[in-house]
Amino acid sequence: MYKRLLLVIGLITFMGFIAAWQQIQTVRLGYHISQTNKFREEVLNEQKILKLKLTSLKSPDHLLGMETSQNVTLTAPEILTLNEIHGRIRNYYKIGNNVAVNPR
């Protein structure tokens, strides 16, 4: 009789430890998820800021401002025929990588 009582008390205690451990793990995972979401939001905000900066740096107004303040010269883009493009590609592969960057 006492053995059964001790067995029941032992099982109830064991189940209590299991329930407490499970609750502690749930809270730890909740904190971890919260920190991960906070970090994700910070990264997304930083990404938005960097995209905005990139857009402003690419804007024509910014480039024109650089032309006057930093002695940068802007040239009109070339209009190439298809044969000229093919010729530059052939030269790129024949001579080396610098041809594509500096075609002339």
C-alpha atoms as a PDB file:
ATOM      1  CA  MET A   1       0.000   0.000   0.000  1.00  0.00           C
ATOM      2  CA  TYR A   2       2.781   2.434   0.910  1.00  0.00           C
ATOM      3  CA  LYS A   3       4.670   1.435  -2.227  1.00  0.00           C
ATOM      4  CA  ARG A   4       1.734   2.419  -4.408  1.00  0.00           C
ATOM      5  CA  LEU A   5       1.350   5.714  -2.603  1.00  0.00           C
ATOM      6  CA  LEU A   6       5.049   6.470  -3.014  1.00  0.00           C
ATOM      7  CA  LEU A   7       4.853   5.484  -6.679  1.00  0.00           C
ATOM      8  CA  VAL A   8       1.890   7.807  -7.285  1.00  0.00           C
ATOM      9  CA  ILE A   9       3.594  10.674  -5.433  1.00  0.00           C
ATOM     10  CA  GLY A  10       6.792  10.027  -7.442  1.00  0.00           C
ATOM     11  CA  LEU A  11       4.911  10.048 -10.752  1.00  0.00           C
ATOM     12  CA  ILE A  12       3.054  13.246  -9.850  1.00  0.00           C
ATOM     13  CA  THR A  13       6.363  14.892  -8.871  1.00  0.00           C
ATOM     14  CA  PHE A  14       8.017  13.711 -12.090  1.00  0.00           C
ATOM     15  CA  MET A  15       5.119  15.052 -14.183  1.00  0.00           C
ATOM     16  CA  GLY A  16       5.383  18.371 -12.314  1.00  0.00           C
ATOM     17  CA  PHE A  17       9.083  18.615 -13.171  1.00  0.00           C
ATOM     18  CA  ILE A  18       8.300  17.850 -16.817  1.00  0.00           C
ATOM     19  CA  ALA A  19       5.575  20.535 -16.918  1.00  0.00           C
ATOM     20  CA  ALA A  20       7.870  23.113 -15.286  1.00  0.00           C
ATOM     21  CA  TRP A  21      10.708  22.298 -17.699  1.00  0.00           C
ATOM     22  CA  GLN A  22       8.329  22.618 -20.657  1.00  0.00           C
ATOM     23  CA  GLN A  23       7.112  26.012 -19.428  1.00  0.00           C
ATOM     24  CA  ILE A  24      10.692  27.268 -18.980  1.00  0.00           C
ATOM     25  CA  GLN A  25      11.594  26.149 -22.515  1.00  0.00           C
ATOM     26  CA  THR A  26       8.500  27.879 -23.906  1.00  0.00           C
ATOM     27  CA  VAL A  27       9.478  31.157 -22.241  1.00  0.00           C
ATOM     28  CA  ARG A  28      13.092  30.866 -23.483  1.00  0.00           C
ATOM     29  CA  LEU A  29      11.939  30.240 -27.040  1.00  0.00           C
ATOM     30  CA  GLY A  30       9.526  33.168 -26.784  1.00  0.00           C
ATOM     31  CA  TYR A  31      12.371  35.489 -25.789  1.00  0.00           C
ATOM     32  CA  HIS A  32      14.532  34.140 -28.592  1.00  0.00           C
ATOM     33  CA  ILE A  33      11.771  34.672 -31.164  1.00  0.00           C
ATOM     34  CA  SER A  34      11.190  38.196 -29.851  1.00  0.00           C
ATOM     35  CA  GLN A  35      14.888  39.070 -30.148  1.00  0.00           C
ATOM     36  CA  THR A  36      15.062  37.582 -33.634  1.00  0.00           C
ATOM     37  CA  ASN A  37      12.037  39.595 -34.775  1.00  0.00           C
ATOM     38  CA  LYS A  38      13.538  42.779 -33.306  1.00  0.00           C
ATOM     39  CA  PHE A  39      16.826  42.149 -35.142  1.00  0.00           C
ATOM     40  CA  ARG A  40      14.899  41.444 -38.362  1.00  0.00           C
ATOM     41  CA  GLU A  41      13.039  44.739 -38.084  1.00  0.00           C
ATOM     42  CA  GLU A  42      16.312  46.605 -37.511  1.00  0.00           C
ATOM     43  CA  VAL A  43      17.856  44.983 -40.585  1.00  0.00           C
ATOM     44  CA  LEU A  44      14.790  45.793 -42.712  1.00  0.00           C
ATOM     45  CA  ASN A  45      14.864  49.429 -41.553  1.00  0.00           C
ATOM     46  CA  GLU A  46      18.564  49.664 -42.356  1.00  0.00           C
ATOM     47  CA  GLN A  47      17.888  48.148 -45.778  1.00  0.00           C
ATOM     48  CA  LYS A  48      15.194  50.771 -46.469  1.00  0.00           C
ATOM     49  CA  ILE A  49      17.582  53.561 -45.440  1.00  0.00           C
ATOM     50  CA  LEU A  50      20.342  52.203 -47.679  1.00  0.00           C
ATOM     51  CA  LYS A  51      17.979  51.846 -50.638  1.00  0.00           C
ATOM     52  CA  LEU A  52      16.872  55.448 -50.141  1.00  0.00           C
ATOM     53  CA  LYS A  53      20.510  56.613 -50.003  1.00  0.00           C
ATOM     54  CA  LEU A  54      21.311  54.644 -53.157  1.00  0.00           C
ATOM     55  CA  THR A  55      18.360  56.178 -54.954  1.00  0.00           C
ATOM     56  CA  SER A  56      19.394  59.678 -53.933  1.00  0.00           C
ATOM     57  CA  LEU A  57      23.015  59.030 -55.005  1.00  0.00           C
ATOM     58  CA  LYS A  58      21.837  57.857 -58.422  1.00  0.00           C
ATOM     59  CA  SER A  59      19.517  60.812 -58.938  1.00  0.00           C
ATOM     60  CA  PRO A  60      20.366  63.221 -61.760  1.00  0.00           C
ATOM     61  CA  ASP A  61      20.255  66.183 -59.366  1.00  0.00           C
ATOM     62  CA  HIS A  62      22.943  64.619 -57.166  1.00  0.00           C
ATOM     63  CA  LEU A  63      25.092  63.794 -60.186  1.00  0.00           C
ATOM     64  CA  LEU A  64      24.784  67.339 -61.519  1.00  0.00           C
ATOM     65  CA  GLY A  65      25.762  68.667 -58.095  1.00  0.00           C
ATOM     66  CA  MET A  66      28.856  66.463 -58.157  1.00  0.00           C
ATOM     67  CA  GLU A  67      29.739  67.797 -61.605  1.00  0.00           C
ATOM     68  CA  THR A  68      30.047  71.330 -60.295  1.00  0.00           C
ATOM     69  CA  SER A  69      31.490  70.663 -56.845  1.00  0.00           C
ATOM     70  CA  GLN A  70      33.985  67.863 -57.519  1.00  0.00           C
ATOM     71  CA  ASN A  71      35.117  68.513 -61.108  1.00  0.00           C
ATOM     72  CA  VAL A  72      33.269  65.470 -62.405  1.00  0.00           C
ATOM     73  CA  THR A  73      32.371  65.589 -66.079  1.00  0.00           C
ATOM     74  CA  LEU A  74      29.221  63.930 -67.306  1.00  0.00           C
ATOM     75  CA  THR A  75      29.109  62.758 -70.899  1.00  0.00           C
ATOM     76  CA  ALA A  76      26.201  61.792 -73.050  1.00  0.00           C
ATOM     77  CA  PRO A  77      25.733  58.036 -73.460  1.00  0.00           C
ATOM     78  CA  GLU A  78      26.895  56.497 -76.728  1.00  0.00           C
ATOM     79  CA  ILE A  79      24.480  54.948 -79.129  1.00  0.00           C
ATOM     80  CA  LEU A  80      26.058  51.815 -80.514  1.00  0.00           C
ATOM     81  CA  THR A  81      25.039  49.720 -83.459  1.00  0.00           C
ATOM     82  CA  LEU A  82      24.728  46.001 -83.085  1.00  0.00           C
ATOM     83  CA  ASN A  83      27.960  45.458 -85.072  1.00  0.00           C
ATOM     84  CA  GLU A  84      29.879  47.767 -82.727  1.00  0.00           C
ATOM     85  CA  ILE A  85      28.570  45.856 -79.714  1.00  0.00           C
ATOM     86  CA  HIS A  86      29.619  42.542 -81.260  1.00  0.00           C
ATOM     87  CA  GLY A  87      33.053  44.000 -82.057  1.00  0.00           C
ATOM     88  CA  ARG A  88      33.551  45.168 -78.470  1.00  0.00           C
ATOM     89  CA  ILE A  89      32.530  41.769 -77.149  1.00  0.00           C
ATOM     90  CA  ARG A  90      34.992  40.038 -79.499  1.00  0.00           C
ATOM     91  CA  ASN A  91      37.764  42.420 -78.413  1.00  0.00           C
ATOM     92  CA  TYR A  92      36.877  41.826 -74.785  1.00  0.00           C
ATOM     93  CA  TYR A  93      37.416  38.104 -75.130  1.00  0.00           C
ATOM     94  CA  LYS A  94      40.530  38.482 -77.336  1.00  0.00           C
ATOM     95  CA  ILE A  95      42.460  41.138 -75.417  1.00  0.00           C
ATOM     96  CA  GLY A  96      41.223  40.964 -71.846  1.00  0.00           C
ATOM     97  CA  ASN A  97      38.802  42.339 -69.314  1.00  0.00           C
ATOM     98  CA  ASN A  98      39.944  45.983 -69.588  1.00  0.00           C
ATOM     99  CA  VAL A  99      38.461  46.356 -73.073  1.00  0.00           C
ATOM    100  CA  ALA A 100      34.887  46.200 -71.813  1.00  0.00           C
ATOM    101  CA  VAL A 101      35.586  48.798 -69.141  1.00  0.00           C
ATOM    102  CA  ASN A 102      37.686  51.059 -71.403  1.00  0.00           C
ATOM    103  CA  PRO A 103      36.392  50.319 -74.922  1.00  0.00           C
ATOM    104  CA  ARG A 104      38.629  52.833 -76.718  1.00  0.00           C
END
